[in-house]
Amino acid sequence: MRRGRLAIGLAALIAVTAIAVTAVMRSRSPAPPADRVTFGPVETAIKELDLLQPSQPKPAEDFTVPTTRGRTFRLSEQRGKIVFINFWATWCPPCREEMPAMERLYERTKHTGVEMLAISVDADPASITPFLGEQPFTFTVGLDPKMSVANTYGVRGLPASFIVDREGNLAAVALGPRAWDSPASQALMGGLGR
């Protein structure tokens, strides 16, 4: 009987040791070298710009907003283009600071099928006129004084930017300001344009 207990104890010890050795070996398996992981231009730009990217393709919500030029802008009419949507307000210093960089990005990429829309959420649309008078922006400025489009997109802070690909899917989101005139921004637009 004593031999039986000893055999059972020894078998249990061997089993526990085997499990422990296996666990240690798995945890020490070398990770693939970082230099072997390659990203395309879009993924690299998204990482560099610290953007959020949906894990699954997600259609961007359609909307229509009036523009400062007396027209309307409807997202679904832009299908086939990359659409850069930025929510901003005149009372938001980071918004005002990033808009010249947005203009430079737009000037560099508009010939490739990029459309840019800066949607003001100022409660009084007349308050943006002096600011726009100081800035020679060529991109479209939309008006959302009741924040209906901003709420549809879940905007909780400004500035907030949403990039929609040619198929109408949300490609990337930026919460907070970015250096939109950077090489990474141009690479992102160029990569989405392919």
N, C-alpha and C. Protein backbone atom coordinates (compact mmCIF):
# COMPACT_ATOMS: atom_id res chain seq x y z
N MET A 1 0.82 -1.18 0.00
CA MET A 1 0.00 0.00 0.00
C MET A 1 0.88 1.26 0.00
N ARG A 2 1.97 1.17 0.76
CA ARG A 2 2.88 2.29 0.79
C ARG A 2 3.50 2.50 -0.58
N ARG A 3 3.81 1.44 -1.29
CA ARG A 3 4.35 1.56 -2.64
C ARG A 3 3.35 2.20 -3.59
N GLY A 4 2.09 1.91 -3.44
CA GLY A 4 1.05 2.48 -4.29
C GLY A 4 0.95 3.99 -4.11
N ARG A 5 1.00 4.43 -2.82
CA ARG A 5 0.95 5.87 -2.55
C ARG A 5 2.18 6.57 -3.11
N LEU A 6 3.30 5.93 -2.95
CA LEU A 6 4.54 6.50 -3.46
C LEU A 6 4.50 6.62 -4.98
N ALA A 7 3.96 5.64 -5.65
CA ALA A 7 3.85 5.66 -7.11
C ALA A 7 2.90 6.76 -7.56
N ILE A 8 1.77 6.91 -6.86
CA ILE A 8 0.79 7.95 -7.21
C ILE A 8 1.41 9.33 -6.98
N GLY A 9 2.10 9.50 -5.85
CA GLY A 9 2.75 10.78 -5.55
C GLY A 9 3.81 11.12 -6.56
N LEU A 10 4.61 10.11 -6.94
CA LEU A 10 5.66 10.33 -7.94
C LEU A 10 5.06 10.68 -9.30
N ALA A 11 3.99 10.02 -9.68
CA ALA A 11 3.32 10.29 -10.96
C ALA A 11 2.75 11.71 -10.96
N ALA A 12 2.16 12.13 -9.83
CA ALA A 12 1.61 13.47 -9.73
C ALA A 12 2.72 14.52 -9.82
N LEU A 13 3.85 14.26 -9.17
CA LEU A 13 4.98 15.18 -9.21
C LEU A 13 5.52 15.32 -10.63
N ILE A 14 5.62 14.21 -11.35
CA ILE A 14 6.11 14.23 -12.73
C ILE A 14 5.13 15.01 -13.61
N ALA A 15 3.83 14.81 -13.41
CA ALA A 15 2.82 15.52 -14.22
C ALA A 15 2.88 17.02 -13.97
N VAL A 16 2.98 17.44 -12.71
CA VAL A 16 3.05 18.86 -12.37
C VAL A 16 4.33 19.47 -12.95
N THR A 17 5.44 18.75 -12.84
CA THR A 17 6.71 19.23 -13.39
C THR A 17 6.61 19.39 -14.90
N ALA A 18 6.01 18.43 -15.59
CA ALA A 18 5.86 18.49 -17.05
C ALA A 18 5.02 19.70 -17.45
N ILE A 19 3.95 19.95 -16.72
CA ILE A 19 3.08 21.10 -17.01
C ILE A 19 3.86 22.40 -16.79
N ALA A 20 4.60 22.48 -15.69
CA ALA A 20 5.38 23.69 -15.39
C ALA A 20 6.45 23.93 -16.44
N VAL A 21 7.15 22.90 -16.86
CA VAL A 21 8.21 23.04 -17.87
C VAL A 21 7.59 23.49 -19.19
N THR A 22 6.45 22.93 -19.56
CA THR A 22 5.77 23.33 -20.80
C THR A 22 5.37 24.80 -20.74
N ALA A 23 4.83 25.22 -19.61
CA ALA A 23 4.42 26.62 -19.46
C ALA A 23 5.62 27.56 -19.57
N VAL A 24 6.72 27.22 -18.94
CA VAL A 24 7.92 28.05 -18.99
C VAL A 24 8.46 28.11 -20.41
N MET A 25 8.48 26.98 -21.10
CA MET A 25 8.99 26.95 -22.48
C MET A 25 8.13 27.82 -23.39
N ARG A 26 6.82 27.78 -23.23
CA ARG A 26 5.95 28.60 -24.07
C ARG A 26 6.15 30.08 -23.80
N SER A 27 6.32 30.45 -22.54
CA SER A 27 6.49 31.86 -22.21
C SER A 27 7.84 32.40 -22.68
N ARG A 28 8.79 31.52 -22.89
CA ARG A 28 10.12 31.96 -23.34
C ARG A 28 10.29 31.85 -24.85
N SER A 29 9.23 31.48 -25.57
CA SER A 29 9.33 31.40 -27.02
C SER A 29 9.64 32.78 -27.56
N PRO A 30 10.63 32.89 -28.43
CA PRO A 30 10.99 34.22 -28.93
C PRO A 30 9.87 34.79 -29.78
N ALA A 31 9.64 36.08 -29.60
CA ALA A 31 8.66 36.79 -30.42
C ALA A 31 9.26 37.01 -31.79
N PRO A 32 8.42 37.09 -32.81
CA PRO A 32 8.97 37.37 -34.13
C PRO A 32 9.68 38.71 -34.11
N PRO A 33 10.81 38.82 -34.78
CA PRO A 33 11.56 40.08 -34.79
C PRO A 33 10.70 41.22 -35.31
N ALA A 34 10.83 42.37 -34.68
CA ALA A 34 10.01 43.54 -35.05
C ALA A 34 10.31 43.99 -36.48
N ASP A 35 11.54 43.78 -36.93
CA ASP A 35 11.87 44.24 -38.27
C ASP A 35 11.23 43.37 -39.36
N ARG A 36 10.68 42.22 -38.99
CA ARG A 36 10.01 41.38 -39.98
C ARG A 36 8.55 41.77 -40.16
N VAL A 37 7.99 42.51 -39.20
CA VAL A 37 6.61 42.95 -39.31
C VAL A 37 6.58 44.17 -40.21
N THR A 38 5.83 44.08 -41.28
CA THR A 38 5.77 45.21 -42.19
C THR A 38 4.34 45.74 -42.24
N PHE A 39 4.25 47.03 -42.33
CA PHE A 39 2.97 47.70 -42.44
C PHE A 39 2.94 48.44 -43.76
N GLY A 40 1.74 48.58 -44.32
CA GLY A 40 1.57 49.37 -45.51
C GLY A 40 1.58 50.84 -45.15
N PRO A 41 1.52 51.72 -46.15
CA PRO A 41 1.58 53.16 -45.88
C PRO A 41 0.41 53.65 -45.02
N VAL A 42 -0.77 53.07 -45.20
CA VAL A 42 -1.93 53.51 -44.41
C VAL A 42 -1.75 53.14 -42.95
N GLU A 43 -1.37 51.90 -42.68
CA GLU A 43 -1.20 51.45 -41.29
C GLU A 43 -0.07 52.22 -40.60
N THR A 44 1.01 52.46 -41.33
CA THR A 44 2.13 53.21 -40.77
C THR A 44 1.71 54.63 -40.44
N ALA A 45 0.98 55.27 -41.35
CA ALA A 45 0.52 56.65 -41.13
C ALA A 45 -0.46 56.71 -39.96
N ILE A 46 -1.36 55.74 -39.88
CA ILE A 46 -2.33 55.71 -38.78
C ILE A 46 -1.60 55.60 -37.44
N LYS A 47 -0.58 54.76 -37.41
CA LYS A 47 0.20 54.60 -36.18
C LYS A 47 0.96 55.89 -35.86
N GLU A 48 1.60 56.48 -36.85
CA GLU A 48 2.39 57.69 -36.66
C GLU A 48 1.53 58.87 -36.19
N LEU A 49 0.32 58.96 -36.73
CA LEU A 49 -0.58 60.06 -36.37
C LEU A 49 -1.41 59.75 -35.12
N ASP A 50 -1.24 58.55 -34.57
CA ASP A 50 -1.97 58.13 -33.38
C ASP A 50 -3.49 58.22 -33.61
N LEU A 51 -3.93 57.62 -34.71
CA LEU A 51 -5.35 57.62 -35.06
C LEU A 51 -6.01 56.33 -34.60
N LEU A 52 -7.30 56.38 -34.43
CA LEU A 52 -8.09 55.19 -34.13
C LEU A 52 -8.60 54.63 -35.45
N GLN A 53 -8.66 53.31 -35.52
CA GLN A 53 -9.11 52.67 -36.75
C GLN A 53 -10.14 51.61 -36.39
N PRO A 54 -11.30 51.61 -37.04
CA PRO A 54 -12.30 50.57 -36.76
C PRO A 54 -11.73 49.18 -37.06
N SER A 55 -12.07 48.21 -36.20
CA SER A 55 -11.56 46.85 -36.42
C SER A 55 -12.26 46.17 -37.59
N GLN A 56 -13.48 46.57 -37.88
CA GLN A 56 -14.25 46.04 -39.00
C GLN A 56 -14.67 47.22 -39.89
N PRO A 57 -14.84 46.99 -41.19
CA PRO A 57 -15.34 48.09 -42.02
C PRO A 57 -16.68 48.59 -41.48
N LYS A 58 -16.79 49.90 -41.33
CA LYS A 58 -18.00 50.50 -40.77
C LYS A 58 -18.42 51.66 -41.66
N PRO A 59 -19.60 51.56 -42.27
CA PRO A 59 -20.05 52.67 -43.12
C PRO A 59 -20.19 53.95 -42.30
N ALA A 60 -19.72 55.04 -42.86
CA ALA A 60 -19.87 56.35 -42.21
C ALA A 60 -21.33 56.76 -42.33
N GLU A 61 -21.85 57.34 -41.27
CA GLU A 61 -23.24 57.81 -41.27
C GLU A 61 -23.40 58.94 -42.28
N ASP A 62 -24.42 58.83 -43.11
CA ASP A 62 -24.69 59.89 -44.09
C ASP A 62 -25.27 61.11 -43.38
N PHE A 63 -25.00 62.27 -43.91
CA PHE A 63 -25.54 63.52 -43.37
C PHE A 63 -25.53 64.57 -44.46
N THR A 64 -26.28 65.62 -44.21
CA THR A 64 -26.29 66.80 -45.07
C THR A 64 -26.16 68.02 -44.16
N VAL A 65 -25.25 68.92 -44.51
CA VAL A 65 -25.10 70.17 -43.75
C VAL A 65 -25.07 71.35 -44.72
N PRO A 66 -25.59 72.50 -44.27
CA PRO A 66 -25.43 73.71 -45.09
C PRO A 66 -23.98 74.17 -45.00
N THR A 67 -23.51 74.84 -46.03
CA THR A 67 -22.14 75.35 -46.03
C THR A 67 -22.15 76.88 -45.93
N THR A 68 -20.99 77.43 -45.65
CA THR A 68 -20.88 78.89 -45.55
C THR A 68 -21.02 79.55 -46.92
N ARG A 69 -20.95 78.78 -47.97
CA ARG A 69 -21.08 79.32 -49.34
C ARG A 69 -22.52 79.25 -49.85
N GLY A 70 -23.46 78.90 -48.94
CA GLY A 70 -24.86 78.85 -49.33
C GLY A 70 -25.29 77.58 -50.03
N ARG A 71 -24.47 76.58 -50.04
CA ARG A 71 -24.81 75.29 -50.66
C ARG A 71 -25.06 74.26 -49.57
N THR A 72 -25.21 73.01 -49.99
CA THR A 72 -25.29 71.92 -49.01
C THR A 72 -24.21 70.90 -49.35
N PHE A 73 -23.77 70.20 -48.34
CA PHE A 73 -22.78 69.15 -48.49
C PHE A 73 -23.43 67.87 -47.99
N ARG A 74 -23.50 66.86 -48.85
CA ARG A 74 -24.07 65.56 -48.46
C ARG A 74 -22.97 64.52 -48.60
N LEU A 75 -22.71 63.80 -47.54
CA LEU A 75 -21.61 62.83 -47.54
C LEU A 75 -21.78 61.77 -48.63
N SER A 76 -22.97 61.23 -48.78
CA SER A 76 -23.17 60.14 -49.75
C SER A 76 -22.90 60.58 -51.19
N GLU A 77 -22.96 61.86 -51.46
CA GLU A 77 -22.65 62.37 -52.81
C GLU A 77 -21.15 62.40 -53.08
N GLN A 78 -20.34 62.13 -52.07
CA GLN A 78 -18.89 62.16 -52.21
C GLN A 78 -18.30 60.77 -52.46
N ARG A 79 -19.16 59.76 -52.61
CA ARG A 79 -18.67 58.40 -52.82
C ARG A 79 -17.66 58.38 -53.96
N GLY A 80 -16.59 57.65 -53.78
CA GLY A 80 -15.51 57.63 -54.76
C GLY A 80 -14.38 58.58 -54.40
N LYS A 81 -14.61 59.43 -53.40
CA LYS A 81 -13.58 60.35 -52.92
C LYS A 81 -13.22 59.98 -51.48
N ILE A 82 -12.04 60.40 -51.06
CA ILE A 82 -11.67 60.32 -49.65
C ILE A 82 -12.21 61.60 -49.02
N VAL A 83 -12.93 61.46 -47.93
CA VAL A 83 -13.53 62.64 -47.29
C VAL A 83 -12.93 62.80 -45.89
N PHE A 84 -12.36 63.96 -45.66
CA PHE A 84 -11.79 64.34 -44.38
C PHE A 84 -12.81 65.25 -43.71
N ILE A 85 -13.39 64.80 -42.59
CA ILE A 85 -14.41 65.57 -41.88
C ILE A 85 -13.81 66.02 -40.55
N ASN A 86 -13.85 67.32 -40.29
CA ASN A 86 -13.29 67.86 -39.05
C ASN A 86 -14.37 68.66 -38.33
N PHE A 87 -14.58 68.35 -37.05
CA PHE A 87 -15.51 69.11 -36.22
C PHE A 87 -14.70 70.12 -35.42
N TRP A 88 -15.13 71.38 -35.43
CA TRP A 88 -14.37 72.45 -34.80
C TRP A 88 -15.31 73.56 -34.33
N ALA A 89 -14.74 74.53 -33.62
CA ALA A 89 -15.48 75.72 -33.20
C ALA A 89 -14.50 76.88 -33.07
N THR A 90 -14.99 78.09 -33.23
CA THR A 90 -14.12 79.27 -33.13
C THR A 90 -13.58 79.47 -31.72
N TRP A 91 -14.31 79.00 -30.71
CA TRP A 91 -13.87 79.16 -29.32
C TRP A 91 -12.89 78.08 -28.88
N CYS A 92 -12.48 77.22 -29.79
CA CYS A 92 -11.57 76.11 -29.50
C CYS A 92 -10.18 76.44 -30.05
N PRO A 93 -9.23 76.88 -29.19
CA PRO A 93 -7.89 77.24 -29.70
C PRO A 93 -7.19 76.12 -30.48
N PRO A 94 -7.20 74.84 -30.04
CA PRO A 94 -6.54 73.81 -30.84
C PRO A 94 -7.17 73.64 -32.22
N CYS A 95 -8.48 73.88 -32.30
CA CYS A 95 -9.16 73.79 -33.60
C CYS A 95 -8.62 74.86 -34.55
N ARG A 96 -8.57 76.06 -34.05
CA ARG A 96 -8.11 77.18 -34.88
C ARG A 96 -6.65 77.00 -35.29
N GLU A 97 -5.85 76.42 -34.40
CA GLU A 97 -4.43 76.21 -34.70
C GLU A 97 -4.20 75.14 -35.75
N GLU A 98 -5.03 74.08 -35.78
CA GLU A 98 -4.78 73.00 -36.73
C GLU A 98 -5.36 73.27 -38.12
N MET A 99 -6.24 74.25 -38.25
CA MET A 99 -6.89 74.48 -39.55
C MET A 99 -5.93 74.92 -40.66
N PRO A 100 -4.92 75.74 -40.40
CA PRO A 100 -3.98 76.03 -41.48
C PRO A 100 -3.25 74.77 -41.98
N ALA A 101 -2.95 73.84 -41.09
CA ALA A 101 -2.31 72.58 -41.51
C ALA A 101 -3.29 71.75 -42.34
N MET A 102 -4.57 71.80 -41.98
CA MET A 102 -5.59 71.11 -42.79
C MET A 102 -5.63 71.71 -44.19
N GLU A 103 -5.56 73.02 -44.27
CA GLU A 103 -5.57 73.69 -45.58
C GLU A 103 -4.38 73.24 -46.42
N ARG A 104 -3.20 73.16 -45.79
CA ARG A 104 -2.01 72.72 -46.56
C ARG A 104 -2.18 71.28 -47.04
N LEU A 105 -2.74 70.41 -46.19
CA LEU A 105 -2.99 69.03 -46.61
C LEU A 105 -3.98 69.00 -47.77
N TYR A 106 -5.03 69.79 -47.66
CA TYR A 106 -6.04 69.82 -48.73
C TYR A 106 -5.43 70.32 -50.04
N GLU A 107 -4.63 71.36 -49.97
CA GLU A 107 -4.01 71.88 -51.19
C GLU A 107 -3.11 70.84 -51.86
N ARG A 108 -2.44 70.02 -51.04
CA ARG A 108 -1.54 68.99 -51.58
C ARG A 108 -2.26 67.76 -52.09
N THR A 109 -3.49 67.52 -51.64
CA THR A 109 -4.15 66.25 -51.96
C THR A 109 -5.47 66.37 -52.72
N LYS A 110 -6.00 67.58 -52.87
CA LYS A 110 -7.32 67.71 -53.50
C LYS A 110 -7.33 67.19 -54.94
N HIS A 111 -6.23 67.27 -55.63
CA HIS A 111 -6.16 66.79 -57.01
C HIS A 111 -6.20 65.26 -57.09
N THR A 112 -6.08 64.58 -55.93
CA THR A 112 -6.11 63.11 -55.91
C THR A 112 -7.47 62.57 -55.48
N GLY A 113 -8.48 63.45 -55.41
CA GLY A 113 -9.82 63.00 -55.03
C GLY A 113 -10.08 63.07 -53.54
N VAL A 114 -9.45 64.01 -52.87
CA VAL A 114 -9.70 64.23 -51.44
C VAL A 114 -10.65 65.41 -51.30
N GLU A 115 -11.67 65.23 -50.51
CA GLU A 115 -12.61 66.31 -50.19
C GLU A 115 -12.48 66.59 -48.71
N MET A 116 -12.43 67.86 -48.35
CA MET A 116 -12.29 68.22 -46.94
C MET A 116 -13.48 69.07 -46.53
N LEU A 117 -14.04 68.72 -45.36
CA LEU A 117 -15.18 69.44 -44.81
C LEU A 117 -14.90 69.74 -43.34
N ALA A 118 -14.86 71.02 -43.00
CA ALA A 118 -14.68 71.44 -41.60
C ALA A 118 -16.06 71.87 -41.10
N ILE A 119 -16.63 71.11 -40.18
CA ILE A 119 -17.98 71.39 -39.69
C ILE A 119 -17.90 72.19 -38.39
N SER A 120 -18.38 73.42 -38.45
CA SER A 120 -18.40 74.28 -37.27
C SER A 120 -19.60 73.90 -36.40
N VAL A 121 -19.34 73.74 -35.10
CA VAL A 121 -20.42 73.48 -34.16
C VAL A 121 -20.73 74.73 -33.32
N ASP A 122 -20.26 75.89 -33.79
CA ASP A 122 -20.59 77.14 -33.11
C ASP A 122 -22.10 77.31 -33.09
N ALA A 123 -22.65 77.69 -31.93
CA ALA A 123 -24.10 77.85 -31.79
C ALA A 123 -24.63 78.96 -32.70
N ASP A 124 -23.81 80.00 -32.91
CA ASP A 124 -24.20 81.10 -33.78
C ASP A 124 -23.32 81.06 -35.03
N PRO A 125 -23.85 80.58 -36.15
CA PRO A 125 -23.04 80.48 -37.36
C PRO A 125 -22.41 81.81 -37.79
N ALA A 126 -23.01 82.93 -37.43
CA ALA A 126 -22.45 84.23 -37.80
C ALA A 126 -21.11 84.48 -37.10
N SER A 127 -20.86 83.79 -36.00
CA SER A 127 -19.61 84.01 -35.25
C SER A 127 -18.39 83.48 -35.99
N ILE A 128 -18.58 82.61 -36.99
CA ILE A 128 -17.41 82.09 -37.70
C ILE A 128 -16.96 83.00 -38.85
N THR A 129 -17.82 83.91 -39.27
CA THR A 129 -17.50 84.79 -40.39
C THR A 129 -16.21 85.58 -40.18
N PRO A 130 -16.01 86.22 -39.01
CA PRO A 130 -14.74 86.96 -38.83
C PRO A 130 -13.51 86.05 -38.91
N PHE A 131 -13.59 84.88 -38.32
CA PHE A 131 -12.46 83.95 -38.36
C PHE A 131 -12.16 83.53 -39.80
N LEU A 132 -13.19 83.17 -40.55
CA LEU A 132 -12.99 82.75 -41.93
C LEU A 132 -12.51 83.90 -42.80
N GLY A 133 -12.85 85.14 -42.42
CA GLY A 133 -12.36 86.31 -43.15
C GLY A 133 -10.86 86.50 -42.99
N GLU A 134 -10.31 86.01 -41.87
CA GLU A 134 -8.87 86.12 -41.61
C GLU A 134 -8.07 85.00 -42.29
N GLN A 135 -8.74 83.92 -42.64
CA GLN A 135 -8.06 82.73 -43.14
C GLN A 135 -8.50 82.43 -44.57
N PRO A 136 -7.59 82.21 -45.48
CA PRO A 136 -7.96 81.90 -46.87
C PRO A 136 -8.19 80.40 -47.10
N PHE A 137 -9.12 79.80 -46.38
CA PHE A 137 -9.37 78.37 -46.55
C PHE A 137 -10.11 78.10 -47.85
N THR A 138 -9.65 77.08 -48.57
CA THR A 138 -10.33 76.71 -49.81
C THR A 138 -11.20 75.48 -49.63
N PHE A 139 -11.05 74.77 -48.52
CA PHE A 139 -11.91 73.61 -48.28
C PHE A 139 -13.30 74.08 -47.85
N THR A 140 -14.25 73.16 -47.88
CA THR A 140 -15.64 73.47 -47.56
C THR A 140 -15.83 73.59 -46.04
N VAL A 141 -16.58 74.59 -45.63
CA VAL A 141 -16.91 74.76 -44.21
C VAL A 141 -18.41 74.55 -44.07
N GLY A 142 -18.78 73.58 -43.25
CA GLY A 142 -20.18 73.28 -43.00
C GLY A 142 -20.63 73.83 -41.65
N LEU A 143 -21.96 73.89 -41.47
CA LEU A 143 -22.54 74.45 -40.25
C LEU A 143 -23.40 73.40 -39.55
N ASP A 144 -23.14 73.21 -38.27
CA ASP A 144 -23.90 72.25 -37.45
C ASP A 144 -24.18 72.88 -36.07
N PRO A 145 -24.93 74.01 -36.04
CA PRO A 145 -25.11 74.74 -34.78
C PRO A 145 -25.85 73.95 -33.71
N LYS A 146 -26.68 73.01 -34.09
CA LYS A 146 -27.41 72.19 -33.11
C LYS A 146 -26.66 70.90 -32.78
N MET A 147 -25.50 70.74 -33.40
CA MET A 147 -24.62 69.58 -33.19
C MET A 147 -25.30 68.24 -33.51
N SER A 148 -26.21 68.24 -34.45
CA SER A 148 -26.88 66.99 -34.80
C SER A 148 -25.93 66.02 -35.50
N VAL A 149 -25.09 66.52 -36.41
CA VAL A 149 -24.12 65.65 -37.08
C VAL A 149 -23.02 65.25 -36.09
N ALA A 150 -22.57 66.20 -35.28
CA ALA A 150 -21.54 65.91 -34.27
C ALA A 150 -22.03 64.82 -33.32
N ASN A 151 -23.28 64.89 -32.90
CA ASN A 151 -23.83 63.85 -32.03
C ASN A 151 -23.94 62.51 -32.74
N THR A 152 -24.31 62.53 -34.01
CA THR A 152 -24.38 61.29 -34.78
C THR A 152 -23.02 60.60 -34.83
N TYR A 153 -21.96 61.40 -34.90
CA TYR A 153 -20.60 60.85 -34.96
C TYR A 153 -19.98 60.65 -33.57
N GLY A 154 -20.73 60.94 -32.53
CA GLY A 154 -20.24 60.70 -31.17
C GLY A 154 -19.15 61.66 -30.74
N VAL A 155 -19.15 62.88 -31.28
CA VAL A 155 -18.12 63.86 -30.93
C VAL A 155 -18.37 64.32 -29.50
N ARG A 156 -17.33 64.19 -28.68
CA ARG A 156 -17.41 64.60 -27.27
C ARG A 156 -16.37 65.65 -26.92
N GLY A 157 -15.47 65.93 -27.84
CA GLY A 157 -14.43 66.93 -27.64
C GLY A 157 -13.98 67.46 -28.98
N LEU A 158 -13.39 68.63 -28.97
CA LEU A 158 -12.93 69.26 -30.21
C LEU A 158 -11.43 69.52 -30.14
N PRO A 159 -10.79 69.50 -31.28
CA PRO A 159 -11.29 69.07 -32.58
C PRO A 159 -11.41 67.54 -32.65
N ALA A 160 -12.21 67.09 -33.56
CA ALA A 160 -12.36 65.66 -33.83
C ALA A 160 -12.44 65.49 -35.35
N SER A 161 -11.64 64.58 -35.88
CA SER A 161 -11.59 64.37 -37.33
C SER A 161 -11.91 62.93 -37.68
N PHE A 162 -12.64 62.77 -38.78
CA PHE A 162 -13.05 61.46 -39.26
C PHE A 162 -12.66 61.37 -40.73
N ILE A 163 -12.00 60.29 -41.09
CA ILE A 163 -11.58 60.11 -42.48
C ILE A 163 -12.37 58.95 -43.07
N VAL A 164 -13.05 59.25 -44.17
CA VAL A 164 -13.92 58.28 -44.83
C VAL A 164 -13.26 57.86 -46.14
N ASP A 165 -13.19 56.55 -46.38
CA ASP A 165 -12.53 56.07 -47.60
C ASP A 165 -13.46 56.18 -48.81
N ARG A 166 -12.95 55.79 -49.97
CA ARG A 166 -13.69 55.94 -51.22
C ARG A 166 -14.98 55.11 -51.27
N GLU A 167 -15.04 54.05 -50.47
CA GLU A 167 -16.23 53.20 -50.44
C GLU A 167 -17.27 53.71 -49.44
N GLY A 168 -16.94 54.78 -48.72
CA GLY A 168 -17.88 55.33 -47.74
C GLY A 168 -17.74 54.74 -46.35
N ASN A 169 -16.63 54.03 -46.10
CA ASN A 169 -16.39 53.45 -44.78
C ASN A 169 -15.49 54.36 -43.97
N LEU A 170 -15.71 54.35 -42.66
CA LEU A 170 -14.87 55.11 -41.75
C LEU A 170 -13.49 54.45 -41.72
N ALA A 171 -12.46 55.19 -42.11
CA ALA A 171 -11.10 54.63 -42.18
C ALA A 171 -10.27 54.95 -40.96
N ALA A 172 -10.46 56.14 -40.38
CA ALA A 172 -9.65 56.55 -39.23
C ALA A 172 -10.33 57.71 -38.51
N VAL A 173 -9.99 57.84 -37.22
CA VAL A 173 -10.55 58.89 -36.37
C VAL A 173 -9.41 59.53 -35.57
N ALA A 174 -9.43 60.85 -35.49
CA ALA A 174 -8.47 61.58 -34.65
C ALA A 174 -9.26 62.36 -33.60
N LEU A 175 -8.95 62.09 -32.36
CA LEU A 175 -9.55 62.85 -31.26
C LEU A 175 -8.49 63.81 -30.76
N GLY A 176 -8.70 65.08 -30.98
CA GLY A 176 -7.70 66.08 -30.66
C GLY A 176 -6.97 66.53 -31.91
N PRO A 177 -6.15 67.57 -31.78
CA PRO A 177 -5.46 68.13 -32.95
C PRO A 177 -4.34 67.23 -33.45
N ARG A 178 -4.01 67.37 -34.72
CA ARG A 178 -2.92 66.65 -35.35
C ARG A 178 -2.17 67.60 -36.28
N ALA A 179 -0.97 67.20 -36.65
CA ALA A 179 -0.17 67.95 -37.64
C ALA A 179 -0.59 67.43 -39.01
N TRP A 180 -1.70 67.96 -39.52
CA TRP A 180 -2.28 67.42 -40.75
C TRP A 180 -1.45 67.72 -41.99
N ASP A 181 -0.45 68.56 -41.88
CA ASP A 181 0.39 68.82 -43.05
C ASP A 181 1.66 67.98 -43.02
N SER A 182 1.72 66.98 -42.17
CA SER A 182 2.90 66.12 -42.04
C SER A 182 2.99 65.12 -43.18
N PRO A 183 4.17 64.56 -43.41
CA PRO A 183 4.32 63.51 -44.42
C PRO A 183 3.42 62.30 -44.12
N ALA A 184 3.20 61.99 -42.85
CA ALA A 184 2.33 60.86 -42.49
C ALA A 184 0.90 61.11 -42.96
N SER A 185 0.43 62.35 -42.83
CA SER A 185 -0.93 62.69 -43.28
C SER A 185 -1.06 62.53 -44.79
N GLN A 186 -0.05 63.00 -45.51
CA GLN A 186 -0.06 62.84 -46.96
C GLN A 186 0.00 61.36 -47.35
N ALA A 187 0.81 60.58 -46.63
CA ALA A 187 0.90 59.15 -46.90
C ALA A 187 -0.44 58.47 -46.65
N LEU A 188 -1.14 58.89 -45.60
CA LEU A 188 -2.45 58.32 -45.30
C LEU A 188 -3.42 58.59 -46.43
N MET A 189 -3.49 59.82 -46.87
CA MET A 189 -4.41 60.16 -47.96
C MET A 189 -4.03 59.45 -49.26
N GLY A 190 -2.74 59.40 -49.52
CA GLY A 190 -2.28 58.71 -50.73
C GLY A 190 -2.56 57.22 -50.67
N GLY A 191 -2.34 56.62 -49.50
CA GLY A 191 -2.61 55.19 -49.33
C GLY A 191 -4.07 54.85 -49.45
N LEU A 192 -4.93 55.70 -48.91
CA LEU A 192 -6.38 55.45 -49.01
C LEU A 192 -6.86 55.66 -50.44
N GLY A 193 -6.13 56.47 -51.20
CA GLY A 193 -6.52 56.76 -52.58
C GLY A 193 -6.24 55.64 -53.55
N ARG A 194 -5.48 54.65 -53.12
CA ARG A 194 -5.11 53.55 -54.02
C ARG A 194 -6.20 52.53 -54.12
